[in-house]
C-alpha atoms as a PDB file:
ATOM      1  CA  MET A   1      -0.083  -0.092   0.033  1.00  0.00           C
ATOM      2  CA  ASN A   2       1.019   3.371  -1.004  1.00  0.00           C
ATOM      3  CA  ILE A   3       0.431   6.078   1.783  1.00  0.00           C
ATOM      4  CA  LEU A   4       1.087   9.557   0.905  1.00  0.00           C
ATOM      5  CA  ILE A   5       0.545  12.528   4.466  1.00  0.00           C
ATOM      6  CA  VAL A   6      -0.155  16.226   4.200  1.00  0.00           C
ATOM      7  CA  GLU A   7       0.658  17.820   7.181  1.00  0.00           C
ATOM      8  CA  ASP A   8       2.768  20.920   8.408  1.00  0.00           C
ATOM      9  CA  GLU A   9       3.608  19.693  11.993  1.00  0.00           C
ATOM     10  CA  ASN A  10       6.720  18.039  11.087  1.00  0.00           C
ATOM     11  CA  MET A  11       6.529  15.734  15.433  1.00  0.00           C
ATOM     12  CA  ALA A  12       2.396  15.130  14.578  1.00  0.00           C
ATOM     13  CA  ALA A  13       3.886  13.670  10.902  1.00  0.00           C
ATOM     14  CA  LYS A  14       6.656  12.213  12.941  1.00  0.00           C
ATOM     15  CA  ARG A  15       4.088  10.913  14.708  1.00  0.00           C
ATOM     16  CA  LEU A  16       1.906   9.259  11.822  1.00  0.00           C
ATOM     17  CA  THR A  17       4.799   8.576  10.095  1.00  0.00           C
ATOM     18  CA  THR A  18       5.849   5.501  12.608  1.00  0.00           C
ATOM     19  CA  LEU A  19       2.160   4.618  13.557  1.00  0.00           C
ATOM     20  CA  LEU A  20       2.043   3.705  10.556  1.00  0.00           C
ATOM     21  CA  ASN A  21       4.764   1.552   9.976  1.00  0.00           C
ATOM     22  CA  GLN A  22       4.182  -0.114  13.261  1.00  0.00           C
ATOM     23  CA  THR A  23       0.598  -0.992  11.936  1.00  0.00           C
ATOM     24  CA  LEU A  24       0.906  -1.444   8.416  1.00  0.00           C
ATOM     25  CA  PRO A  25       4.789  -2.665   8.114  1.00  0.00           C
ATOM     26  CA  ASN A  26       4.824  -2.959   4.383  1.00  0.00           C
ATOM     27  CA  ALA A  27       3.608   0.113   3.669  1.00  0.00           C
ATOM     28  CA  GLN A  28       5.017   2.933   1.633  1.00  0.00           C
ATOM     29  CA  ILE A  29       4.953   6.497   2.589  1.00  0.00           C
ATOM     30  CA  VAL A  30       5.474   7.574  -1.126  1.00  0.00           C
ATOM     31  CA  ALA A  31       5.936  11.259   0.257  1.00  0.00           C
ATOM     32  CA  GLN A  32       5.109  13.840   2.823  1.00  0.00           C
ATOM     33  CA  LEU A  33       4.115  17.547   1.872  1.00  0.00           C
ATOM     34  CA  ASP A  34       3.109  20.470   4.041  1.00  0.00           C
ATOM     35  CA  SER A  35       0.764  22.594   2.962  1.00  0.00           C
ATOM     36  CA  VAL A  36      -1.862  22.975   0.055  1.00  0.00           C
ATOM     37  CA  LYS A  37      -0.317  23.902  -2.875  1.00  0.00           C
ATOM     38  CA  ARG A  38       2.568  21.288  -2.377  1.00  0.00           C
ATOM     39  CA  ALA A  39       0.042  18.641  -2.043  1.00  0.00           C
ATOM     40  CA  VAL A  40      -2.407  19.635  -5.207  1.00  0.00           C
ATOM     41  CA  GLU A  41       0.911  20.145  -7.264  1.00  0.00           C
ATOM     42  CA  TRP A  42       2.327  16.353  -6.012  1.00  0.00           C
ATOM     43  CA  LEU A  43      -1.754  14.583  -7.378  1.00  0.00           C
ATOM     44  CA  GLY A  44      -1.654  16.162 -10.579  1.00  0.00           C
ATOM     45  CA  SER A  45       0.717  13.576 -11.593  1.00  0.00           C
ATOM     46  CA  ASN A  46       0.975  11.063  -8.788  1.00  0.00           C
ATOM     47  CA  SER A  47      -1.426   9.344  -6.948  1.00  0.00           C
ATOM     48  CA  ALA A  48      -1.802   6.947  -3.416  1.00  0.00           C
ATOM     49  CA  ASP A  49      -3.472   4.025  -1.974  1.00  0.00           C
ATOM     50  CA  LEU A  50      -3.897   5.812   0.862  1.00  0.00           C
ATOM     51  CA  LEU A  51      -3.853   9.408   1.976  1.00  0.00           C
ATOM     52  CA  PHE A  52      -3.935  10.663   5.006  1.00  0.00           C
ATOM     53  CA  PHE A  53      -4.422  15.427   5.162  1.00  0.00           C
ATOM     54  CA  ASP A  54      -4.831  16.920   8.551  1.00  0.00           C
ATOM     55  CA  ILE A  55      -7.483  19.493   7.900  1.00  0.00           C
ATOM     56  CA  GLN A  56      -5.915  22.889   8.549  1.00  0.00           C
ATOM     57  CA  LEU A  57      -2.162  23.629   6.763  1.00  0.00           C
ATOM     58  CA  ALA A  58      -0.267  26.620   6.431  1.00  0.00           C
ATOM     59  CA  ASP A  59      -1.400  28.454   3.842  1.00  0.00           C
ATOM     60  CA  GLY A  60      -5.470  27.073   3.634  1.00  0.00           C
ATOM     61  CA  LEU A  61      -7.837  23.802   4.731  1.00  0.00           C
ATOM     62  CA  SER A  62      -7.537  20.439   3.144  1.00  0.00           C
ATOM     63  CA  PHE A  63     -10.424  20.568   1.267  1.00  0.00           C
ATOM     64  CA  GLU A  64      -9.396  23.391  -0.634  1.00  0.00           C
ATOM     65  CA  ILE A  65      -7.516  20.648  -2.024  1.00  0.00           C
ATOM     66  CA  LEU A  66      -9.876  18.471  -2.766  1.00  0.00           C
ATOM     67  CA  GLU A  67     -11.449  21.873  -5.138  1.00  0.00           C
ATOM     68  CA  GLN A  68      -8.058  21.874  -6.737  1.00  0.00           C
ATOM     69  CA  VAL A  69      -7.280  18.930  -8.084  1.00  0.00           C
ATOM     70  CA  GLN A  70      -9.341  15.336  -7.842  1.00  0.00           C
ATOM     71  CA  VAL A  71      -8.967  12.953  -5.952  1.00  0.00           C
ATOM     72  CA  LYS A  72      -9.995   9.588  -6.716  1.00  0.00           C
ATOM     73  CA  SER A  73      -7.833   7.909  -3.317  1.00  0.00           C
ATOM     74  CA  PRO A  74     -10.198   7.431   0.035  1.00  0.00           C
ATOM     75  CA  ILE A  75      -8.992  10.581   2.956  1.00  0.00           C
ATOM     76  CA  ILE A  76      -8.332   9.963   5.960  1.00  0.00           C
ATOM     77  CA  PHE A  77      -8.433  13.472   7.654  1.00  0.00           C
ATOM     78  CA  THR A  78      -6.072  13.897  11.044  1.00  0.00           C
ATOM     79  CA  THR A  79      -7.413  17.235  12.842  1.00  0.00           C
ATOM     80  CA  ALA A  80      -7.328  19.109  16.602  1.00  0.00           C
ATOM     81  CA  PHE A  81     -11.307  19.477  16.538  1.00  0.00           C
ATOM     82  CA  ASP A  82     -13.353  18.542  18.092  1.00  0.00           C
ATOM     83  CA  GLU A  83     -16.267  16.033  16.362  1.00  0.00           C
ATOM     84  CA  TYR A  84     -18.237  18.710  16.628  1.00  0.00           C
ATOM     85  CA  ALA A  85     -17.028  21.035  14.212  1.00  0.00           C
ATOM     86  CA  ILE A  86     -16.112  17.958  11.809  1.00  0.00           C
ATOM     87  CA  ARG A  87     -19.280  16.752  10.695  1.00  0.00           C
ATOM     88  CA  ALA A  88     -20.684  17.921   8.557  1.00  0.00           C
ATOM     89  CA  PHE A  89     -17.273  16.045   5.487  1.00  0.00           C
ATOM     90  CA  LYS A  90     -17.504  12.720   8.020  1.00  0.00           C
ATOM     91  CA  LEU A  91     -19.196  11.231   5.435  1.00  0.00           C
ATOM     92  CA  ASN A  92     -16.726  12.760   2.451  1.00  0.00           C
ATOM     93  CA  SER A  93     -13.828  10.594   4.587  1.00  0.00           C
ATOM     94  CA  VAL A  94     -13.104   6.631   5.037  1.00  0.00           C
ATOM     95  CA  ASP A  95     -13.034   8.509   9.425  1.00  0.00           C
ATOM     96  CA  TYR A  96     -11.147  11.277  11.128  1.00  0.00           C
ATOM     97  CA  LEU A  97      -8.533  11.201  13.622  1.00  0.00           C
ATOM     98  CA  LEU A  98      -8.519  13.240  16.471  1.00  0.00           C
ATOM     99  CA  LYS A  99      -4.217  14.811  17.741  1.00  0.00           C
ATOM    100  CA  PRO A 100      -2.029  13.314  19.189  1.00  0.00           C
ATOM    101  CA  ILE A 101      -2.934  10.441  17.383  1.00  0.00           C
ATOM    102  CA  ASP A 102      -4.120   6.976  19.391  1.00  0.00           C
ATOM    103  CA  PRO A 103      -2.849   3.909  17.652  1.00  0.00           C
ATOM    104  CA  ASN A 104      -5.590   1.989  18.463  1.00  0.00           C
ATOM    105  CA  GLU A 105      -8.183   4.305  16.898  1.00  0.00           C
ATOM    106  CA  LEU A 106      -5.181   3.994  13.947  1.00  0.00           C
ATOM    107  CA  GLU A 107      -5.800   0.818  13.656  1.00  0.00           C
ATOM    108  CA  ALA A 108      -9.852   0.852  14.114  1.00  0.00           C
ATOM    109  CA  ALA A 109      -9.592   4.079  10.418  1.00  0.00           C
ATOM    110  CA  LEU A 110      -7.330   0.918   8.971  1.00  0.00           C
ATOM    111  CA  ASP A 111      -9.514  -1.703   9.820  1.00  0.00           C
ATOM    112  CA  LYS A 112     -12.185   0.412   8.543  1.00  0.00           C
ATOM    113  CA  TYR A 113     -10.697   1.582   4.382  1.00  0.00           C
ATOM    114  CA  GLN A 114     -10.320  -2.307   4.464  1.00  0.00           C
ATOM    115  CA  LYS A 115     -13.126  -3.603   5.507  1.00  0.00           C
ATOM    116  CA  LEU A 116     -15.113  -0.600   3.082  1.00  0.00           C
ATOM    117  CA  TYR A 117     -12.832  -0.948  -0.110  1.00  0.00           C
ATOM    118  CA  ALA A 118     -13.350  -4.488   0.210  1.00  0.00           C
ATOM    119  CA  ASP A 119     -16.485  -4.134  -0.311  1.00  0.00           C
ATOM    120  CA  ASN A 120     -16.491  -1.477  -2.939  1.00  0.00           C
ATOM    121  CA  GLN A 121     -17.999   0.721  -0.384  1.00  0.00           C
ATOM    122  CA  ALA A 122     -15.677   4.025  -0.109  1.00  0.00           C
ATOM    123  CA  PRO A 123     -17.685   6.921   0.527  1.00  0.00           C
ATOM    124  CA  THR A 124     -18.161   9.225  -2.148  1.00  0.00           C
ATOM    125  CA  LEU A 125     -16.444  12.803  -2.133  1.00  0.00           C
ATOM    126  CA  ASN A 126     -19.560  15.650  -1.971  1.00  0.00           C
ATOM    127  CA  LEU A 127     -17.650  18.695  -3.127  1.00  0.00           C
ATOM    128  CA  ALA A 128     -20.827  21.197  -2.254  1.00  0.00           C
ATOM    129  CA  MET A 129     -20.343  18.698   1.860  1.00  0.00           C
ATOM    130  CA  ILE A 130     -16.899  20.285   2.438  1.00  0.00           C
ATOM    131  CA  GLU A 131     -17.710  24.143   0.816  1.00  0.00           C
ATOM    132  CA  GLN A 132     -20.458  22.972   3.806  1.00  0.00           C
ATOM    133  CA  ALA A 133     -17.519  22.250   6.412  1.00  0.00           C
ATOM    134  CA  MET A 134     -14.837  24.840   5.762  1.00  0.00           C
ATOM    135  CA  GLN A 135     -17.691  28.093   5.218  1.00  0.00           C
ATOM    136  CA  GLN A 136     -18.079  25.811   9.155  1.00  0.00           C
ATOM    137  CA  MET A 137     -14.936  25.346  10.499  1.00  0.00           C
ATOM    138  CA  THR A 138     -14.025  29.008   9.812  1.00  0.00           C
ATOM    139  CA  LYS A 139     -16.859  31.137  10.364  1.00  0.00           C
ATOM    140  CA  LYS A 140     -15.485  34.326  13.346  1.00  0.00           C
ATOM    141  CA  TYR A 141     -18.696  34.336  16.268  1.00  0.00           C
ATOM    142  CA  LYS A 142     -19.570  38.107  17.317  1.00  0.00           C
ATOM    143  CA  GLU A 143     -16.637  39.472  20.404  1.00  0.00           C
ATOM    144  CA  ARG A 144     -18.861  41.813  21.291  1.00  0.00           C
ATOM    145  CA  PHE A 145     -22.093  43.579  20.343  1.00  0.00           C
ATOM    146  CA  VAL A 146     -22.843  47.629  21.198  1.00  0.00           C
ATOM    147  CA  VAL A 147     -24.651  49.298  23.632  1.00  0.00           C
ATOM    148  CA  LYS A 148     -25.961  52.960  23.903  1.00  0.00           C
ATOM    149  CA  ILE A 149     -26.286  54.435  27.734  1.00  0.00           C
ATOM    150  CA  GLY A 150     -27.390  57.983  28.025  1.00  0.00           C
ATOM    151  CA  GLU A 151     -24.628  59.262  25.452  1.00  0.00           C
ATOM    152  CA  HIS A 152     -22.516  56.293  26.441  1.00  0.00           C
ATOM    153  CA  ILE A 153     -20.920  54.330  23.780  1.00  0.00           C
ATOM    154  CA  LYS A 154     -19.971  50.949  25.299  1.00  0.00           C
ATOM    155  CA  THR A 155     -18.940  47.179  23.828  1.00  0.00           C
ATOM    156  CA  ILE A 156     -20.517  43.898  26.399  1.00  0.00           C
ATOM    157  CA  ALA A 157     -18.268  41.000  24.946  1.00  0.00           C
ATOM    158  CA  THR A 158     -20.351  37.936  24.055  1.00  0.00           C
ATOM    159  CA  THR A 159     -18.575  36.314  26.116  1.00  0.00           C
ATOM    160  CA  ASP A 160     -19.599  38.280  29.782  1.00  0.00           C
ATOM    161  CA  ALA A 161     -23.479  37.519  28.280  1.00  0.00           C
ATOM    162  CA  GLY A 162     -25.785  35.211  30.115  1.00  0.00           C
ATOM    163  CA  TYR A 163     -28.580  35.392  27.569  1.00  0.00           C
ATOM    164  CA  PHE A 164     -30.476  37.810  24.896  1.00  0.00           C
ATOM    165  CA  PHE A 165     -34.947  37.834  25.312  1.00  0.00           C
ATOM    166  CA  SER A 166     -36.498  39.609  23.439  1.00  0.00           C
ATOM    167  CA  LYS A 167     -39.627  41.782  24.640  1.00  0.00           C
ATOM    168  CA  GLU A 168     -42.492  44.312  23.656  1.00  0.00           C
ATOM    169  CA  LYS A 169     -40.608  44.270  20.029  1.00  0.00           C
ATOM    170  CA  ALA A 170     -37.027  45.502  21.205  1.00  0.00           C
ATOM    171  CA  THR A 171     -33.824  43.125  21.937  1.00  0.00           C
ATOM    172  CA  TYR A 172     -32.053  42.342  25.380  1.00  0.00           C
ATOM    173  CA  LEU A 173     -28.638  41.165  26.137  1.00  0.00           C
ATOM    174  CA  GLN A 174     -28.531  40.252  30.281  1.00  0.00           C
ATOM    175  CA  THR A 175     -25.184  39.672  31.235  1.00  0.00           C
ATOM    176  CA  LEU A 176     -23.758  37.528  33.689  1.00  0.00           C
ATOM    177  CA  GLU A 177     -23.067  40.582  36.056  1.00  0.00           C
ATOM    178  CA  LYS A 178     -26.312  41.162  35.742  1.00  0.00           C
ATOM    179  CA  ASN A 179     -26.740  44.428  33.638  1.00  0.00           C
ATOM    180  CA  ARG A 180     -29.508  44.443  31.039  1.00  0.00           C
ATOM    181  CA  TYR A 181     -29.073  46.776  27.030  1.00  0.00           C
ATOM    182  CA  ILE A 182     -31.111  46.489  24.717  1.00  0.00           C
ATOM    183  CA  ILE A 183     -29.364  45.955  21.741  1.00  0.00           C
ATOM    184  CA  ASP A 184     -29.783  46.350  17.505  1.00  0.00           C
ATOM    185  CA  TYR A 185     -30.777  43.384  16.712  1.00  0.00           C
ATOM    186  CA  THR A 186     -33.741  41.419  16.056  1.00  0.00           C
ATOM    187  CA  LEU A 187     -33.606  38.569  18.336  1.00  0.00           C
ATOM    188  CA  GLU A 188     -33.355  35.383  15.242  1.00  0.00           C
ATOM    189  CA  GLN A 189     -30.683  38.301  14.206  1.00  0.00           C
ATOM    190  CA  VAL A 190     -28.189  37.442  17.553  1.00  0.00           C
ATOM    191  CA  GLU A 191     -29.115  33.657  16.738  1.00  0.00           C
ATOM    192  CA  GLN A 192     -27.166  32.895  13.831  1.00  0.00           C
ATOM    193  CA  LEU A 193     -24.582  35.595  14.723  1.00  0.00           C
ATOM    194  CA  VAL A 194     -23.761  33.441  18.432  1.00  0.00           C
ATOM    195  CA  ASP A 195     -21.664  30.252  19.146  1.00  0.00           C
ATOM    196  CA  PRO A 196     -23.990  27.098  17.947  1.00  0.00           C
ATOM    197  CA  GLU A 197     -21.887  26.281  21.135  1.00  0.00           C
ATOM    198  CA  LYS A 198     -22.386  28.548  23.141  1.00  0.00           C
ATOM    199  CA  PHE A 199     -26.401  29.533  22.957  1.00  0.00           C
ATOM    200  CA  PHE A 200     -29.057  26.913  22.225  1.00  0.00           C
ATOM    201  CA  ARG A 201     -32.618  29.271  21.224  1.00  0.00           C
ATOM    202  CA  ILE A 202     -34.946  28.169  23.971  1.00  0.00           C
ATOM    203  CA  ASN A 203     -38.587  29.680  22.399  1.00  0.00           C
ATOM    204  CA  ARG A 204     -39.194  32.694  20.679  1.00  0.00           C
ATOM    205  CA  LYS A 205     -38.109  34.720  23.085  1.00  0.00           C
ATOM    206  CA  TYR A 206     -35.213  33.311  24.933  1.00  0.00           C
ATOM    207  CA  LEU A 207     -32.057  32.464  24.117  1.00  0.00           C
ATOM    208  CA  VAL A 208     -29.867  31.808  25.978  1.00  0.00           C
ATOM    209  CA  SER A 209     -26.211  30.562  27.598  1.00  0.00           C
ATOM    210  CA  LEU A 210     -24.917  27.525  29.245  1.00  0.00           C
ATOM    211  CA  GLU A 211     -23.600  29.768  32.288  1.00  0.00           C
ATOM    212  CA  ALA A 212     -27.143  31.312  32.859  1.00  0.00           C
ATOM    213  CA  ILE A 213     -28.813  28.652  33.668  1.00  0.00           C
ATOM    214  CA  LYS A 214     -28.996  28.376  36.965  1.00  0.00           C
ATOM    215  CA  ASP A 215     -31.818  25.143  37.015  1.00  0.00           C
ATOM    216  CA  ILE A 216     -34.056  23.386  35.117  1.00  0.00           C
ATOM    217  CA  VAL A 217     -37.111  21.247  36.217  1.00  0.00           C
ATOM    218  CA  THR A 218     -40.078  19.454  34.109  1.00  0.00           C
ATOM    219  CA  TYR A 219     -42.783  21.464  33.526  1.00  0.00           C
ATOM    220  CA  SER A 220     -46.156  20.692  31.772  1.00  0.00           C
ATOM    221  CA  ASN A 221     -46.557  18.565  27.767  1.00  0.00           C
ATOM    222  CA  SER A 222     -43.593  17.305  28.061  1.00  0.00           C
ATOM    223  CA  ARG A 223     -41.568  21.024  28.543  1.00  0.00           C
ATOM    224  CA  LEU A 224     -38.251  22.000  30.940  1.00  0.00           C
ATOM    225  CA  ARG A 225     -38.683  25.221  32.047  1.00  0.00           C
ATOM    226  CA  LEU A 226     -35.311  27.452  32.824  1.00  0.00           C
ATOM    227  CA  ILE A 227     -34.200  29.233  35.928  1.00  0.00           C
ATOM    228  CA  LEU A 228     -32.007  32.429  34.658  1.00  0.00           C
ATOM    229  CA  LYS A 229     -30.310  33.869  36.544  1.00  0.00           C
ATOM    230  CA  HIS A 230     -30.959  37.498  37.423  1.00  0.00           C
ATOM    231  CA  ASP A 231     -34.249  36.625  35.533  1.00  0.00           C
ATOM    232  CA  ASP A 232     -38.210  36.241  37.920  1.00  0.00           C
ATOM    233  CA  SER A 233     -40.044  35.695  33.611  1.00  0.00           C
ATOM    234  CA  MET A 234     -42.112  32.319  33.799  1.00  0.00           C
ATOM    235  CA  ASP A 235     -40.819  32.384  29.882  1.00  0.00           C
ATOM    236  CA  ALA A 236     -37.998  30.999  29.575  1.00  0.00           C
ATOM    237  CA  ILE A 237     -39.500  28.043  29.297  1.00  0.00           C
ATOM    238  CA  VAL A 238     -37.959  25.023  27.442  1.00  0.00           C
ATOM    239  CA  SER A 239     -40.463  23.855  24.050  1.00  0.00           C
ATOM    240  CA  ARG A 240     -41.758  20.648  23.253  1.00  0.00           C
ATOM    241  CA  GLU A 241     -40.290  20.731  19.645  1.00  0.00           C
ATOM    242  CA  LYS A 242     -37.179  21.274  21.362  1.00  0.00           C
ATOM    243  CA  VAL A 243     -35.932  19.269  24.606  1.00  0.00           C
ATOM    244  CA  GLN A 244     -34.499  16.668  22.461  1.00  0.00           C
ATOM    245  CA  ASP A 245     -31.782  19.073  20.994  1.00  0.00           C
ATOM    246  CA  PHE A 246     -31.570  20.981  23.819  1.00  0.00           C
ATOM    247  CA  LYS A 247     -31.288  17.784  25.933  1.00  0.00           C
ATOM    248  CA  LYS A 248     -28.372  16.817  23.079  1.00  0.00           C
ATOM    249  CA  TRP A 249     -27.442  20.769  23.410  1.00  0.00           C
ATOM    250  CA  LEU A 250     -26.395  20.414  27.551  1.00  0.00           C
ATOM    251  CA  ASP A 251     -25.002  16.156  27.246  1.00  0.00           C
ATOM    252  CA  ARG A 252     -21.889  17.629  24.786  1.00  0.00           C
END
């Protein structure tokens, strides 16, 4: 088996090479490349049986290789990103390995590769899903909100926000330290601007962070009621259709 490694961290490449030599003593590392540019050039006139792509390279994401050159060989991605961040491209590869690579996980990925290709079940690369993954991994969420206090303008860091809520056609930012500000966004706009791992839209009125939740209690009709910091209303109810997704969000 001929193997190509695309990895810009020398220590990570050496570790992967060592593990591969131990797991597949008859395999040959045909090249070790450290950039999108070099990988595109090499794959333009060469091929390998199996490719290992680190996702984030010095000159871009390895997905860009797939946009510039046709790749028919199976790919195992290596990455420091967690499963949530790479969910979109998981279906487009044999497997992914979180760094530092565990020998047992590498062996399992190679077993999966051999089984898939023996049964002709190899995944087909979907460029649309790869583009979605690129957008997901490079997306930058809003870091601060501008608020007006009398004659003064100040900024509130998104990390200081406990939750956002709408009331009487206005949207409010409630900080973890009890301060409350009107912001010039709708709740729908805020939902698109903040990190979904940190904030969850529980209903039409509330977008909450985990840090703001003091307690969760069962409520009527299979719903949940949240007791939030600095909030005395009864409106922080997780709607029935969102309960399961909310539980999954809590359980990350």
